[in-house]
Protein backbone atom coordinates (compact mmCIF):
# COMPACT_ATOMS: atom_id res chain seq x y z
CA UNK A 1 69.35 105.96 79.32
CA UNK A 2 68.54 102.40 80.03
CA UNK A 3 67.81 100.77 83.32
CA UNK A 4 69.32 97.46 82.12
CA UNK A 5 72.35 96.84 84.36
CA UNK A 6 74.16 94.81 81.66
CA UNK A 7 77.12 97.20 81.94
CA UNK A 8 77.46 96.27 85.61
CA UNK A 9 77.22 92.52 84.93
CA UNK A 10 79.73 92.82 82.06
CA UNK A 11 82.27 94.62 84.31
CA UNK A 12 81.81 92.14 87.07
CA UNK A 13 82.36 89.19 84.70
CA UNK A 14 85.40 90.85 83.01
CA UNK A 15 87.14 91.81 86.28
CA UNK A 16 86.47 88.47 87.97
CA UNK A 17 88.12 86.83 84.99
CA UNK A 18 91.26 88.89 85.52
CA UNK A 19 91.81 88.99 89.34
CA UNK A 20 93.06 86.30 91.67
CA UNK A 21 90.37 87.07 94.28
CA UNK A 22 87.08 87.16 92.31
CA UNK A 23 85.01 86.93 95.51
CA UNK A 24 86.40 90.36 96.55
CA UNK A 25 85.13 92.14 93.42
CA UNK A 26 82.37 94.68 94.08
CA UNK A 27 80.71 96.93 91.54
CA UNK A 28 78.35 99.78 92.47
CA UNK A 29 76.21 101.40 89.84
CA UNK A 30 74.80 104.93 89.95
CA UNK A 31 72.82 106.74 87.29
CA UNK A 32 72.62 110.54 87.07
CA UNK A 33 72.36 113.29 84.46
CA UNK A 34 75.98 112.63 83.42
CA UNK A 35 75.30 108.93 82.65
CA UNK A 36 76.25 105.68 84.42
CA UNK A 37 79.03 105.61 86.99
CA UNK A 38 80.41 102.21 87.80
CA UNK A 39 82.60 102.07 90.94
CA UNK A 40 84.91 99.11 91.10
CA UNK A 41 86.48 97.71 94.27
CA UNK A 42 88.95 94.86 94.26
CA UNK A 43 91.40 93.28 96.79
CA UNK A 44 94.51 95.27 97.37
CA UNK A 45 96.75 92.59 95.83
CA UNK A 46 94.63 92.64 92.64
CA UNK A 47 95.01 96.34 91.97
CA UNK A 48 98.05 95.90 89.78
CA UNK A 49 96.21 93.39 87.62
CA UNK A 50 93.32 95.75 87.06
CA UNK A 51 95.39 98.90 86.39
CA UNK A 52 98.03 97.12 84.33
CA UNK A 53 101.33 98.52 83.07
CA UNK A 54 100.98 102.25 82.70
CA UNK A 55 97.20 101.93 83.06
CA UNK A 56 96.84 99.80 79.93
CA UNK A 57 94.37 97.30 81.38
CA UNK A 58 92.23 100.04 83.01
CA UNK A 59 92.13 101.85 79.67
CA UNK A 60 91.06 98.68 77.87
CA UNK A 61 88.30 98.05 80.39
CA UNK A 62 87.09 101.65 79.96
CA UNK A 63 87.05 101.25 76.22
CA UNK A 64 84.98 98.04 76.45
CA UNK A 65 82.57 99.80 78.84
CA UNK A 66 82.24 102.74 76.40
CA UNK A 67 81.16 100.22 73.73
CA UNK A 68 78.60 98.60 76.07
CA UNK A 69 77.28 102.07 76.85
CA UNK A 70 76.93 102.99 73.22
CA UNK A 71 74.85 99.83 72.66
CA UNK A 72 72.61 100.90 75.49
CA UNK A 73 72.50 104.61 74.59
CA UNK A 74 74.22 105.52 77.83
CA UNK A 75 77.49 107.13 78.80
CA UNK A 76 79.37 104.71 81.08
CA UNK A 77 82.22 105.86 83.29
CA UNK A 78 84.48 103.71 85.50
CA UNK A 79 85.97 104.72 88.83
CA UNK A 80 88.52 102.36 90.33
CA UNK A 81 88.65 102.75 94.13
CA UNK A 82 91.95 102.46 95.92
CA UNK A 83 91.57 99.59 98.36
CA UNK A 84 92.39 99.82 102.05
CA UNK A 85 95.99 98.64 102.72
CA UNK A 86 97.09 99.32 99.15
CA UNK A 87 100.86 99.48 98.84
CA UNK A 88 100.91 101.67 95.74
CA UNK A 89 103.27 104.57 96.27
CA UNK A 90 102.22 108.09 95.23
CA UNK A 91 103.54 109.06 91.84
CA UNK A 92 106.70 111.12 91.78
CA UNK A 93 107.02 113.76 89.04
CA UNK A 94 109.66 112.82 86.50
CA UNK A 95 112.79 114.91 86.44
CA UNK A 96 114.50 115.21 83.14
CA UNK A 97 118.27 115.69 82.86
CA UNK A 98 119.22 118.91 81.07
CA UNK A 99 120.01 118.26 77.40
CA UNK A 100 123.31 120.02 77.57
CA UNK A 101 124.55 117.69 80.23
CA UNK A 102 128.08 116.31 79.81
CA UNK A 103 127.31 112.98 81.44
């Protein structure tokens, strides 16, 4: 594994380009036997922009970080922390209507 924090700098640049409050973006970097763990913190109102519809933006960010990790011979993982005061509601399990319903 490399000690070059280019993955952290890349993530900061990318997220600051997306959010409305770039001054609130914080990235912590930890290295252990599993690889690199980047923990991302953003303002509560920017969470939706980072996660995206059905998690699409978060998935894209993770894919890009995986590529950066491959270039540096490291496994890079991203953890997005839920900010204080977040208004995101807990996910409700989907209930499917029975297929033999007459409605």
